[in-house]
Amino acid sequence: MEFSSKLLEKAVGEMSQLPGIGKRTALRLVLHLLKQPKDQTRFLSEALLGMRENIKFCKKCHNISDVEICEICANDKRNHELICLVEDVRDVMAIENTGQYRGIYHVLGGKISPIDGVGPSQLTITSLVDKVNSGCIAEIIFALSSTMEGDTTNFYIYKQIKDTSVVLSTIARGISVGDELEYADEVTLGRSILQRIPFEIALKK
C-alpha cells in the first residue's frame, strides 16, 4: 500500500495493530478522522490517554475500575459470599447485562494456555485461593468459556480448592462448546447462571 504522506502511513500502521483491523480498514478510519474537526480527534486522543494512564484494577476482584475498589465490590447489596469466576472484564460486562446475577466476581486475567505461554502464575489464581482460605466465600461459579483452555483452567483451580467447604458450581451448558461468554445472548447467559450445576457433575460429562 503506497502512501502520499509519512504521517498518514504512520497513523494507519498504528491503527492496524488493533485486533480485527487490517490495513484497508485502518486507512478508512484514519481518513475518516482526518475529515472530522480537529477537536474530535483531540477528544479521542485524550480519552485513550486518560484511560491508559489512569485506569485501575480493583484490588478485590481485578475488574477494571476508576477507583481502587470497583462499584460491584463496593456495593453492599451484592452477595459477597458468591463469586463468579470469569476470564476477563468482557465477561463481567456480559453477565452484568443479563441482570440475573447479584454476587461479585473474580477476574482471572486470562486462562491457562501453555501454547501461548500462559501459566497459572500469570493469572490471579493465588488471590482467589486466598479468598477461599479466608472463610468468607460460600460458593464459586466457574464461568470460563467451554474451550480446552477454559476447562483446563477450571480443573486446575478445582484441584486447588476442592477440599474446602466452598460449594463449586459451573454455568449450565446453554453456552455452546467453544463459545466465548461475551458473544452469548443475554437470555441464554442469564439462564446458564441461574441453572448452574455442581462442578463435580460437570467433570463426569
N, C-alpha and C. Protein backbone atom coordinates (compact mmCIF):
# COMPACT_ATOMS: atom_id res chain seq x y z
N MET A 1 0.85 -1.20 0.00
CA MET A 1 0.00 0.00 0.00
C MET A 1 0.89 1.25 0.00
N GLU A 2 0.71 2.07 -1.02
CA GLU A 2 1.52 3.28 -1.16
C GLU A 2 0.84 4.46 -0.48
N PHE A 3 1.63 5.27 0.25
CA PHE A 3 1.09 6.43 0.95
C PHE A 3 1.76 7.70 0.42
N SER A 4 0.95 8.74 0.29
CA SER A 4 1.49 10.03 -0.15
C SER A 4 2.02 10.85 1.01
N SER A 5 1.81 10.35 2.23
CA SER A 5 2.23 11.07 3.44
C SER A 5 2.78 10.08 4.46
N LYS A 6 3.95 10.41 5.00
CA LYS A 6 4.54 9.56 6.04
C LYS A 6 3.71 9.63 7.32
N LEU A 7 3.10 10.79 7.59
CA LEU A 7 2.25 10.92 8.77
C LEU A 7 1.02 10.03 8.65
N LEU A 8 0.42 10.00 7.47
CA LEU A 8 -0.72 9.13 7.22
C LEU A 8 -0.31 7.67 7.34
N GLU A 9 0.84 7.33 6.77
CA GLU A 9 1.33 5.95 6.83
C GLU A 9 1.54 5.50 8.27
N LYS A 10 2.11 6.39 9.08
CA LYS A 10 2.36 6.05 10.49
C LYS A 10 1.05 5.85 11.24
N ALA A 11 0.07 6.73 11.00
CA ALA A 11 -1.23 6.62 11.68
C ALA A 11 -1.93 5.32 11.29
N VAL A 12 -1.89 4.98 10.00
CA VAL A 12 -2.50 3.73 9.53
C VAL A 12 -1.79 2.52 10.14
N GLY A 13 -0.47 2.59 10.22
CA GLY A 13 0.30 1.50 10.81
C GLY A 13 -0.07 1.25 12.26
N GLU A 14 -0.23 2.32 13.02
CA GLU A 14 -0.61 2.18 14.44
C GLU A 14 -2.03 1.65 14.57
N MET A 15 -2.95 2.18 13.76
CA MET A 15 -4.34 1.77 13.83
C MET A 15 -4.51 0.30 13.45
N SER A 16 -3.71 -0.17 12.49
CA SER A 16 -3.84 -1.55 12.01
C SER A 16 -3.33 -2.58 13.03
N GLN A 17 -2.71 -2.13 14.11
CA GLN A 17 -2.26 -3.06 15.15
C GLN A 17 -3.40 -3.47 16.08
N LEU A 18 -4.54 -2.80 15.97
CA LEU A 18 -5.69 -3.15 16.79
C LEU A 18 -6.29 -4.47 16.31
N PRO A 19 -6.86 -5.29 17.22
CA PRO A 19 -7.43 -6.58 16.82
C PRO A 19 -8.53 -6.41 15.78
N GLY A 20 -8.47 -7.22 14.73
CA GLY A 20 -9.51 -7.22 13.72
C GLY A 20 -9.45 -6.05 12.75
N ILE A 21 -8.41 -5.24 12.86
CA ILE A 21 -8.27 -4.09 11.97
C ILE A 21 -7.13 -4.32 10.99
N GLY A 22 -7.47 -4.48 9.70
CA GLY A 22 -6.45 -4.63 8.68
C GLY A 22 -6.02 -3.28 8.15
N LYS A 23 -5.08 -3.28 7.22
CA LYS A 23 -4.55 -2.02 6.69
C LYS A 23 -5.64 -1.19 5.98
N ARG A 24 -6.53 -1.85 5.22
CA ARG A 24 -7.56 -1.12 4.49
C ARG A 24 -8.56 -0.48 5.45
N THR A 25 -8.98 -1.25 6.47
CA THR A 25 -9.91 -0.70 7.47
C THR A 25 -9.25 0.42 8.24
N ALA A 26 -7.97 0.25 8.58
CA ALA A 26 -7.23 1.29 9.30
C ALA A 26 -7.16 2.57 8.47
N LEU A 27 -6.92 2.42 7.17
CA LEU A 27 -6.87 3.59 6.29
C LEU A 27 -8.21 4.30 6.25
N ARG A 28 -9.29 3.52 6.18
CA ARG A 28 -10.63 4.13 6.15
C ARG A 28 -10.91 4.90 7.44
N LEU A 29 -10.52 4.34 8.58
CA LEU A 29 -10.74 5.00 9.87
C LEU A 29 -9.90 6.28 9.99
N VAL A 30 -8.65 6.18 9.57
CA VAL A 30 -7.77 7.35 9.66
C VAL A 30 -8.25 8.47 8.75
N LEU A 31 -8.68 8.13 7.54
CA LEU A 31 -9.19 9.14 6.62
C LEU A 31 -10.48 9.77 7.15
N HIS A 32 -11.28 8.96 7.84
CA HIS A 32 -12.50 9.48 8.47
C HIS A 32 -12.13 10.52 9.54
N LEU A 33 -11.15 10.18 10.38
CA LEU A 33 -10.71 11.12 11.41
C LEU A 33 -10.15 12.40 10.79
N LEU A 34 -9.48 12.24 9.68
CA LEU A 34 -8.88 13.39 9.00
C LEU A 34 -9.95 14.37 8.50
N LYS A 35 -11.12 13.85 8.21
CA LYS A 35 -12.21 14.70 7.71
C LYS A 35 -12.98 15.39 8.83
N GLN A 36 -12.83 14.88 10.07
CA GLN A 36 -13.57 15.43 11.19
C GLN A 36 -12.88 16.68 11.74
N PRO A 37 -13.63 17.48 12.52
CA PRO A 37 -12.99 18.64 13.18
C PRO A 37 -11.83 18.18 14.06
N LYS A 38 -10.80 19.01 14.15
CA LYS A 38 -9.62 18.64 14.94
C LYS A 38 -9.97 18.32 16.38
N ASP A 39 -10.98 19.01 16.94
CA ASP A 39 -11.37 18.78 18.33
C ASP A 39 -11.81 17.34 18.55
N GLN A 40 -12.50 16.76 17.57
CA GLN A 40 -12.99 15.39 17.74
C GLN A 40 -11.82 14.41 17.85
N THR A 41 -10.80 14.61 17.04
CA THR A 41 -9.61 13.77 17.13
C THR A 41 -8.89 13.99 18.46
N ARG A 42 -8.86 15.24 18.90
CA ARG A 42 -8.22 15.54 20.19
C ARG A 42 -8.97 14.89 21.34
N PHE A 43 -10.31 14.93 21.31
CA PHE A 43 -11.11 14.30 22.36
C PHE A 43 -10.85 12.79 22.40
N LEU A 44 -10.77 12.18 21.22
CA LEU A 44 -10.47 10.75 21.14
C LEU A 44 -9.10 10.45 21.73
N SER A 45 -8.11 11.23 21.36
CA SER A 45 -6.75 11.04 21.87
C SER A 45 -6.70 11.19 23.38
N GLU A 46 -7.38 12.22 23.90
CA GLU A 46 -7.37 12.46 25.34
C GLU A 46 -8.08 11.34 26.09
N ALA A 47 -9.17 10.84 25.50
CA ALA A 47 -9.90 9.75 26.15
C ALA A 47 -9.04 8.49 26.24
N LEU A 48 -8.33 8.18 25.16
CA LEU A 48 -7.47 7.00 25.15
C LEU A 48 -6.29 7.15 26.11
N LEU A 49 -5.67 8.32 26.10
CA LEU A 49 -4.55 8.56 27.01
C LEU A 49 -5.00 8.53 28.47
N GLY A 50 -6.16 9.16 28.74
CA GLY A 50 -6.68 9.16 30.10
C GLY A 50 -6.99 7.77 30.59
N MET A 51 -7.57 6.95 29.72
CA MET A 51 -7.86 5.56 30.09
C MET A 51 -6.57 4.80 30.38
N ARG A 52 -5.60 4.95 29.48
CA ARG A 52 -4.36 4.18 29.63
C ARG A 52 -3.56 4.58 30.86
N GLU A 53 -3.57 5.84 31.20
CA GLU A 53 -2.75 6.33 32.31
C GLU A 53 -3.44 6.24 33.66
N ASN A 54 -4.76 6.30 33.69
CA ASN A 54 -5.45 6.44 34.98
C ASN A 54 -6.32 5.25 35.38
N ILE A 55 -6.57 4.33 34.46
CA ILE A 55 -7.44 3.22 34.81
C ILE A 55 -6.77 2.31 35.83
N LYS A 56 -7.58 1.71 36.70
CA LYS A 56 -7.06 0.86 37.77
C LYS A 56 -7.69 -0.52 37.67
N PHE A 57 -7.13 -1.46 38.42
CA PHE A 57 -7.71 -2.78 38.55
C PHE A 57 -8.14 -2.96 40.00
N CYS A 58 -9.41 -3.34 40.18
CA CYS A 58 -9.97 -3.48 41.52
C CYS A 58 -9.09 -4.38 42.38
N LYS A 59 -8.78 -3.93 43.59
CA LYS A 59 -7.92 -4.70 44.49
C LYS A 59 -8.57 -5.99 44.98
N LYS A 60 -9.90 -6.05 44.87
CA LYS A 60 -10.60 -7.25 45.36
C LYS A 60 -10.87 -8.27 44.26
N CYS A 61 -11.37 -7.80 43.12
CA CYS A 61 -11.80 -8.75 42.08
C CYS A 61 -10.98 -8.66 40.79
N HIS A 62 -10.13 -7.64 40.67
CA HIS A 62 -9.28 -7.43 39.50
C HIS A 62 -10.04 -6.95 38.26
N ASN A 63 -11.27 -6.48 38.47
CA ASN A 63 -12.02 -5.88 37.38
C ASN A 63 -11.47 -4.50 37.09
N ILE A 64 -11.67 -4.00 35.88
CA ILE A 64 -11.25 -2.65 35.54
C ILE A 64 -12.12 -1.64 36.29
N SER A 65 -11.49 -0.60 36.79
CA SER A 65 -12.20 0.37 37.62
C SER A 65 -11.53 1.74 37.55
N ASP A 66 -12.29 2.76 37.93
CA ASP A 66 -11.71 4.11 38.02
C ASP A 66 -11.12 4.35 39.40
N VAL A 67 -11.51 3.51 40.36
CA VAL A 67 -11.04 3.65 41.75
C VAL A 67 -10.48 2.31 42.21
N GLU A 68 -9.90 2.28 43.42
CA GLU A 68 -9.22 1.08 43.88
C GLU A 68 -10.18 -0.09 44.11
N ILE A 69 -11.41 0.18 44.55
CA ILE A 69 -12.42 -0.85 44.74
C ILE A 69 -13.56 -0.56 43.76
N CYS A 70 -13.86 -1.50 42.88
CA CYS A 70 -14.86 -1.26 41.84
C CYS A 70 -16.26 -1.13 42.43
N GLU A 71 -17.18 -0.61 41.63
CA GLU A 71 -18.55 -0.37 42.09
C GLU A 71 -19.25 -1.66 42.52
N ILE A 72 -18.95 -2.76 41.85
CA ILE A 72 -19.60 -4.04 42.20
C ILE A 72 -19.14 -4.51 43.57
N CYS A 73 -17.83 -4.50 43.81
CA CYS A 73 -17.30 -4.95 45.11
C CYS A 73 -17.68 -3.99 46.24
N ALA A 74 -17.89 -2.73 45.91
CA ALA A 74 -18.24 -1.73 46.93
C ALA A 74 -19.74 -1.72 47.23
N ASN A 75 -20.52 -2.46 46.48
CA ASN A 75 -21.97 -2.47 46.64
C ASN A 75 -22.39 -3.43 47.75
N ASP A 76 -22.91 -2.89 48.84
CA ASP A 76 -23.32 -3.71 49.99
C ASP A 76 -24.54 -4.59 49.68
N LYS A 77 -25.25 -4.27 48.60
CA LYS A 77 -26.44 -5.04 48.25
C LYS A 77 -26.10 -6.31 47.46
N ARG A 78 -24.85 -6.44 47.03
CA ARG A 78 -24.43 -7.66 46.35
C ARG A 78 -24.13 -8.75 47.36
N ASN A 79 -24.25 -10.00 46.92
CA ASN A 79 -23.93 -11.14 47.78
C ASN A 79 -22.43 -11.38 47.71
N HIS A 80 -21.72 -11.00 48.76
CA HIS A 80 -20.26 -11.08 48.76
C HIS A 80 -19.75 -12.48 49.11
N GLU A 81 -20.66 -13.41 49.37
CA GLU A 81 -20.26 -14.79 49.62
C GLU A 81 -20.30 -15.63 48.34
N LEU A 82 -20.80 -15.02 47.26
CA LEU A 82 -20.95 -15.71 45.98
C LEU A 82 -20.03 -15.07 44.94
N ILE A 83 -19.10 -15.86 44.40
CA ILE A 83 -18.14 -15.37 43.41
C ILE A 83 -18.39 -16.04 42.07
N CYS A 84 -18.42 -15.24 41.04
CA CYS A 84 -18.47 -15.75 39.67
C CYS A 84 -17.07 -15.60 39.08
N LEU A 85 -16.46 -16.71 38.72
CA LEU A 85 -15.09 -16.72 38.21
C LEU A 85 -15.11 -16.56 36.69
N VAL A 86 -14.50 -15.50 36.20
CA VAL A 86 -14.51 -15.21 34.76
C VAL A 86 -13.10 -14.97 34.25
N GLU A 87 -12.98 -15.04 32.92
CA GLU A 87 -11.66 -14.87 32.29
C GLU A 87 -11.22 -13.42 32.27
N ASP A 88 -12.09 -12.52 31.78
CA ASP A 88 -11.69 -11.12 31.70
C ASP A 88 -12.88 -10.19 31.86
N VAL A 89 -12.62 -8.90 31.77
CA VAL A 89 -13.64 -7.88 32.06
C VAL A 89 -14.81 -7.92 31.10
N ARG A 90 -14.59 -8.42 29.89
CA ARG A 90 -15.70 -8.52 28.93
C ARG A 90 -16.77 -9.48 29.43
N ASP A 91 -16.34 -10.53 30.15
CA ASP A 91 -17.29 -11.49 30.69
C ASP A 91 -18.11 -10.87 31.83
N VAL A 92 -17.46 -10.02 32.63
CA VAL A 92 -18.19 -9.31 33.68
C VAL A 92 -19.30 -8.46 33.05
N MET A 93 -18.96 -7.75 32.00
CA MET A 93 -19.95 -6.91 31.32
C MET A 93 -21.09 -7.73 30.76
N ALA A 94 -20.75 -8.88 30.16
CA ALA A 94 -21.77 -9.74 29.56
C ALA A 94 -22.73 -10.26 30.61
N ILE A 95 -22.20 -10.71 31.75
CA ILE A 95 -23.06 -11.26 32.80
C ILE A 95 -23.87 -10.16 33.47
N GLU A 96 -23.26 -9.00 33.69
CA GLU A 96 -24.00 -7.88 34.29
C GLU A 96 -25.17 -7.46 33.41
N ASN A 97 -25.01 -7.55 32.10
CA ASN A 97 -26.07 -7.16 31.18
C ASN A 97 -27.29 -8.07 31.26
N THR A 98 -27.11 -9.28 31.82
CA THR A 98 -28.26 -10.18 31.95
C THR A 98 -29.20 -9.74 33.07
N GLY A 99 -28.65 -9.03 34.08
CA GLY A 99 -29.47 -8.61 35.22
C GLY A 99 -29.87 -9.76 36.12
N GLN A 100 -29.28 -10.94 35.93
CA GLN A 100 -29.67 -12.14 36.67
C GLN A 100 -28.73 -12.50 37.81
N TYR A 101 -27.60 -11.83 37.90
CA TYR A 101 -26.58 -12.22 38.88
C TYR A 101 -26.36 -11.10 39.88
N ARG A 102 -26.37 -11.45 41.17
CA ARG A 102 -26.23 -10.43 42.22
C ARG A 102 -25.06 -10.70 43.16
N GLY A 103 -24.16 -11.59 42.76
CA GLY A 103 -22.96 -11.82 43.55
C GLY A 103 -21.85 -10.89 43.11
N ILE A 104 -20.61 -11.26 43.41
CA ILE A 104 -19.45 -10.49 42.98
C ILE A 104 -18.62 -11.35 42.01
N TYR A 105 -17.50 -10.84 41.56
CA TYR A 105 -16.71 -11.53 40.54
C TYR A 105 -15.27 -11.73 41.00
N HIS A 106 -14.59 -12.60 40.25
CA HIS A 106 -13.13 -12.68 40.34
C HIS A 106 -12.64 -12.83 38.90
N VAL A 107 -11.86 -11.86 38.45
CA VAL A 107 -11.36 -11.84 37.07
C VAL A 107 -9.97 -12.45 37.03
N LEU A 108 -9.82 -13.54 36.30
CA LEU A 108 -8.54 -14.25 36.24
C LEU A 108 -7.49 -13.52 35.42
N GLY A 109 -7.93 -12.78 34.41
CA GLY A 109 -6.99 -12.11 33.53
C GLY A 109 -6.50 -12.99 32.40
N GLY A 110 -7.24 -14.07 32.11
CA GLY A 110 -6.87 -14.99 31.04
C GLY A 110 -7.21 -16.41 31.43
N LYS A 111 -6.63 -17.37 30.73
CA LYS A 111 -6.80 -18.77 31.07
C LYS A 111 -5.51 -19.52 30.76
N ILE A 112 -5.30 -20.62 31.43
CA ILE A 112 -4.07 -21.39 31.27
C ILE A 112 -3.96 -21.88 29.83
N SER A 113 -2.86 -21.55 29.18
CA SER A 113 -2.65 -21.94 27.78
C SER A 113 -1.15 -22.07 27.53
N PRO A 114 -0.59 -23.26 27.76
CA PRO A 114 0.86 -23.45 27.56
C PRO A 114 1.33 -23.06 26.17
N ILE A 115 0.49 -23.29 25.15
CA ILE A 115 0.90 -22.97 23.78
C ILE A 115 1.09 -21.46 23.59
N ASP A 116 0.38 -20.67 24.42
CA ASP A 116 0.52 -19.20 24.37
C ASP A 116 1.45 -18.69 25.46
N GLY A 117 2.05 -19.60 26.21
CA GLY A 117 2.97 -19.21 27.27
C GLY A 117 2.31 -18.66 28.51
N VAL A 118 1.03 -19.02 28.72
CA VAL A 118 0.30 -18.53 29.89
C VAL A 118 0.15 -19.67 30.90
N GLY A 119 0.76 -19.49 32.06
CA GLY A 119 0.68 -20.49 33.12
C GLY A 119 -0.12 -19.96 34.30
N PRO A 120 -0.36 -20.80 35.30
CA PRO A 120 -1.15 -20.40 36.48
C PRO A 120 -0.61 -19.17 37.20
N SER A 121 0.72 -19.02 37.22
CA SER A 121 1.32 -17.90 37.96
C SER A 121 1.04 -16.55 37.30
N GLN A 122 0.62 -16.56 36.04
CA GLN A 122 0.34 -15.31 35.34
C GLN A 122 -1.12 -14.88 35.47
N LEU A 123 -1.90 -15.71 36.15
CA LEU A 123 -3.30 -15.40 36.40
C LEU A 123 -3.49 -15.05 37.87
N THR A 124 -4.69 -14.62 38.23
CA THR A 124 -4.94 -14.19 39.63
C THR A 124 -5.48 -15.34 40.47
N ILE A 125 -4.94 -16.55 40.24
CA ILE A 125 -5.41 -17.73 40.95
C ILE A 125 -5.05 -17.69 42.43
N THR A 126 -3.86 -17.20 42.73
CA THR A 126 -3.41 -17.15 44.14
C THR A 126 -4.34 -16.31 44.99
N SER A 127 -4.76 -15.15 44.48
CA SER A 127 -5.65 -14.30 45.28
C SER A 127 -7.03 -14.94 45.43
N LEU A 128 -7.45 -15.74 44.45
CA LEU A 128 -8.72 -16.46 44.58
C LEU A 128 -8.63 -17.50 45.69
N VAL A 129 -7.53 -18.25 45.71
CA VAL A 129 -7.32 -19.26 46.75
C VAL A 129 -7.26 -18.58 48.12
N ASP A 130 -6.65 -17.41 48.20
CA ASP A 130 -6.59 -16.67 49.46
C ASP A 130 -7.99 -16.28 49.94
N LYS A 131 -8.85 -15.88 49.01
CA LYS A 131 -10.24 -15.54 49.36
C LYS A 131 -10.95 -16.76 49.94
N VAL A 132 -10.75 -17.91 49.28
CA VAL A 132 -11.38 -19.14 49.76
C VAL A 132 -10.89 -19.49 51.16
N ASN A 133 -9.58 -19.38 51.37
CA ASN A 133 -8.99 -19.72 52.67
C ASN A 133 -9.38 -18.74 53.77
N SER A 134 -9.84 -17.56 53.38
CA SER A 134 -10.27 -16.58 54.39
C SER A 134 -11.58 -16.98 55.04
N GLY A 135 -12.31 -17.90 54.42
CA GLY A 135 -13.55 -18.39 55.00
C GLY A 135 -14.77 -17.52 54.74
N CYS A 136 -14.66 -16.53 53.88
CA CYS A 136 -15.78 -15.62 53.65
C CYS A 136 -16.53 -15.92 52.36
N ILE A 137 -16.15 -16.99 51.66
CA ILE A 137 -16.79 -17.34 50.41
C ILE A 137 -17.61 -18.62 50.58
N ALA A 138 -18.87 -18.60 50.14
CA ALA A 138 -19.74 -19.77 50.25
C ALA A 138 -19.79 -20.57 48.96
N GLU A 139 -19.76 -19.88 47.81
CA GLU A 139 -19.87 -20.58 46.52
C GLU A 139 -19.05 -19.87 45.45
N ILE A 140 -18.44 -20.66 44.58
CA ILE A 140 -17.76 -20.14 43.40
C ILE A 140 -18.42 -20.75 42.16
N ILE A 141 -18.82 -19.88 41.24
CA ILE A 141 -19.39 -20.33 39.96
C ILE A 141 -18.30 -20.24 38.90
N PHE A 142 -17.94 -21.37 38.31
CA PHE A 142 -16.97 -21.38 37.22
C PHE A 142 -17.69 -20.93 35.95
N ALA A 143 -17.28 -19.79 35.41
CA ALA A 143 -17.95 -19.24 34.22
C ALA A 143 -16.94 -18.92 33.12
N LEU A 144 -15.94 -19.80 32.97
CA LEU A 144 -14.99 -19.63 31.89
C LEU A 144 -15.57 -20.25 30.61
N SER A 145 -15.05 -19.83 29.47
CA SER A 145 -15.54 -20.35 28.20
C SER A 145 -15.30 -21.86 28.11
N SER A 146 -16.20 -22.54 27.41
CA SER A 146 -16.13 -24.01 27.33
C SER A 146 -15.19 -24.44 26.21
N THR A 147 -13.94 -24.01 26.34
CA THR A 147 -12.87 -24.40 25.42
C THR A 147 -11.90 -25.30 26.17
N MET A 148 -10.96 -25.88 25.46
CA MET A 148 -9.98 -26.74 26.13
C MET A 148 -9.20 -25.96 27.18
N GLU A 149 -8.82 -24.71 26.85
CA GLU A 149 -8.08 -23.88 27.81
C GLU A 149 -8.95 -23.51 29.01
N GLY A 150 -10.23 -23.22 28.74
CA GLY A 150 -11.14 -22.88 29.83
C GLY A 150 -11.34 -24.05 30.76
N ASP A 151 -11.54 -25.25 30.20
CA ASP A 151 -11.74 -26.44 31.02
C ASP A 151 -10.48 -26.79 31.80
N THR A 152 -9.32 -26.60 31.18
CA THR A 152 -8.05 -26.86 31.88
C THR A 152 -7.89 -25.94 33.08
N THR A 153 -8.24 -24.67 32.88
CA THR A 153 -8.14 -23.68 33.96
C THR A 153 -9.12 -24.00 35.07
N ASN A 154 -10.34 -24.34 34.71
CA ASN A 154 -11.35 -24.73 35.70
C ASN A 154 -10.84 -25.89 36.55
N PHE A 155 -10.30 -26.92 35.90
CA PHE A 155 -9.87 -28.11 36.62
C PHE A 155 -8.67 -27.81 37.52
N TYR A 156 -7.76 -26.98 37.04
CA TYR A 156 -6.60 -26.61 37.86
C TYR A 156 -7.06 -25.92 39.14
N ILE A 157 -7.98 -24.98 39.02
CA ILE A 157 -8.47 -24.25 40.19
C ILE A 157 -9.28 -25.18 41.10
N TYR A 158 -10.06 -26.04 40.49
CA TYR A 158 -10.84 -27.03 41.26
C TYR A 158 -9.91 -27.86 42.15
N LYS A 159 -8.78 -28.28 41.59
CA LYS A 159 -7.82 -29.09 42.37
C LYS A 159 -7.24 -28.30 43.54
N GLN A 160 -7.14 -26.98 43.40
CA GLN A 160 -6.58 -26.14 44.46
C GLN A 160 -7.54 -25.97 45.64
N ILE A 161 -8.84 -26.01 45.37
CA ILE A 161 -9.80 -25.64 46.43
C ILE A 161 -10.87 -26.70 46.69
N LYS A 162 -10.75 -27.88 46.08
CA LYS A 162 -11.80 -28.89 46.20
C LYS A 162 -11.98 -29.43 47.61
N ASP A 163 -10.96 -29.33 48.45
CA ASP A 163 -11.05 -29.86 49.82
C ASP A 163 -11.56 -28.83 50.83
N THR A 164 -11.97 -27.68 50.36
CA THR A 164 -12.54 -26.66 51.24
C THR A 164 -14.05 -26.84 51.32
N SER A 165 -14.69 -26.03 52.16
CA SER A 165 -16.14 -26.13 52.34
C SER A 165 -16.93 -25.32 51.30
N VAL A 166 -16.21 -24.65 50.39
CA VAL A 166 -16.87 -23.81 49.40
C VAL A 166 -17.58 -24.68 48.36
N VAL A 167 -18.81 -24.32 48.05
CA VAL A 167 -19.58 -25.00 47.00
C VAL A 167 -19.02 -24.58 45.65
N LEU A 168 -18.74 -25.55 44.79
CA LEU A 168 -18.20 -25.27 43.46
C LEU A 168 -19.23 -25.67 42.42
N SER A 169 -19.61 -24.70 41.59
CA SER A 169 -20.60 -24.98 40.55
C SER A 169 -20.12 -24.41 39.23
N THR A 170 -20.77 -24.78 38.16
CA THR A 170 -20.41 -24.27 36.84
C THR A 170 -21.68 -23.88 36.10
N ILE A 171 -21.56 -22.92 35.21
CA ILE A 171 -22.74 -22.48 34.46
C ILE A 171 -23.27 -23.63 33.62
N ALA A 172 -24.59 -23.69 33.46
CA ALA A 172 -25.21 -24.72 32.64
C ALA A 172 -24.76 -24.54 31.20
N ARG A 173 -24.68 -25.62 30.46
CA ARG A 173 -24.15 -25.57 29.09
C ARG A 173 -25.21 -25.14 28.08
N GLY A 174 -25.88 -24.02 28.40
CA GLY A 174 -26.70 -23.38 27.39
C GLY A 174 -25.77 -22.67 26.41
N ILE A 175 -24.51 -22.48 26.86
CA ILE A 175 -23.49 -21.89 26.01
C ILE A 175 -22.83 -23.01 25.22
N SER A 176 -22.78 -22.90 23.91
CA SER A 176 -22.21 -23.95 23.07
C SER A 176 -20.74 -24.17 23.39
N VAL A 177 -20.29 -25.41 23.24
CA VAL A 177 -18.89 -25.73 23.46
C VAL A 177 -18.04 -24.93 22.48
N GLY A 178 -17.00 -24.29 23.01
CA GLY A 178 -16.10 -23.49 22.19
C GLY A 178 -16.49 -22.03 22.11
N ASP A 179 -17.68 -21.68 22.65
CA ASP A 179 -18.14 -20.29 22.58
C ASP A 179 -17.56 -19.46 23.71
N GLU A 180 -17.38 -18.17 23.44
CA GLU A 180 -16.96 -17.22 24.46
C GLU A 180 -18.19 -16.58 25.07
N LEU A 181 -18.15 -16.29 26.38
CA LEU A 181 -19.31 -15.73 27.07
C LEU A 181 -19.77 -14.41 26.48
N GLU A 182 -18.83 -13.59 26.06
CA GLU A 182 -19.19 -12.25 25.60
C GLU A 182 -20.08 -12.26 24.36
N TYR A 183 -20.09 -13.41 23.62
CA TYR A 183 -20.90 -13.48 22.41
C TYR A 183 -22.25 -14.16 22.63
N ALA A 184 -22.49 -14.64 23.85
CA ALA A 184 -23.77 -15.30 24.14
C ALA A 184 -24.86 -14.25 24.32
N ASP A 185 -26.08 -14.61 23.90
CA ASP A 185 -27.17 -13.65 24.11
C ASP A 185 -27.51 -13.59 25.59
N GLU A 186 -28.10 -12.49 26.01
CA GLU A 186 -28.31 -12.22 27.43
C GLU A 186 -29.24 -13.24 28.09
N VAL A 187 -30.28 -13.67 27.38
CA VAL A 187 -31.24 -14.62 27.96
C VAL A 187 -30.56 -15.96 28.22
N THR A 188 -29.82 -16.47 27.22
CA THR A 188 -29.13 -17.75 27.38
C THR A 188 -28.09 -17.68 28.49
N LEU A 189 -27.32 -16.59 28.52
CA LEU A 189 -26.29 -16.45 29.54
C LEU A 189 -26.91 -16.33 30.93
N GLY A 190 -28.00 -15.56 31.04
CA GLY A 190 -28.69 -15.42 32.33
C GLY A 190 -29.20 -16.75 32.84
N ARG A 191 -29.80 -17.54 31.95
CA ARG A 191 -30.31 -18.85 32.35
C ARG A 191 -29.19 -19.80 32.74
N SER A 192 -28.05 -19.70 32.06
CA SER A 192 -26.93 -20.59 32.37
C SER A 192 -26.38 -20.31 33.76
N ILE A 193 -26.49 -19.06 34.22
CA ILE A 193 -26.06 -18.71 35.58
C ILE A 193 -27.07 -19.25 36.59
N LEU A 194 -28.35 -19.01 36.34
CA LEU A 194 -29.39 -19.44 37.28
C LEU A 194 -29.49 -20.95 37.37
N GLN A 195 -29.23 -21.65 36.27
CA GLN A 195 -29.36 -23.11 36.23
C GLN A 195 -28.02 -23.81 36.38
N ARG A 196 -27.09 -23.19 37.07
CA ARG A 196 -25.76 -23.77 37.25
C ARG A 196 -25.85 -25.12 37.95
N ILE A 197 -24.82 -25.95 37.73
CA ILE A 197 -24.79 -27.29 38.29
C ILE A 197 -23.50 -27.49 39.07
N PRO A 198 -23.47 -28.46 40.00
CA PRO A 198 -22.23 -28.73 40.74
C PRO A 198 -21.08 -29.05 39.79
N PHE A 199 -19.90 -28.55 40.09
CA PHE A 199 -18.76 -28.73 39.20
C PHE A 199 -18.38 -30.19 39.06
N GLU A 200 -18.54 -30.98 40.14
CA GLU A 200 -18.18 -32.40 40.10
C GLU A 200 -19.02 -33.13 39.05
N ILE A 201 -20.29 -32.74 38.90
CA ILE A 201 -21.15 -33.38 37.90
C ILE A 201 -20.68 -33.03 36.50
N ALA A 202 -20.27 -31.78 36.32
CA ALA A 202 -19.79 -31.34 35.01
C ALA A 202 -18.53 -32.11 34.61
N LEU A 203 -17.69 -32.47 35.59
CA LEU A 203 -16.47 -33.22 35.29
C LEU A 203 -16.76 -34.59 34.71
N LYS A 204 -17.90 -35.18 35.09
CA LYS A 204 -18.23 -36.53 34.66
C LYS A 204 -18.88 -36.58 33.29
N LYS A 205 -19.23 -35.40 32.77
CA LYS A 205 -19.92 -35.39 31.46
C LYS A 205 -18.92 -35.50 30.31
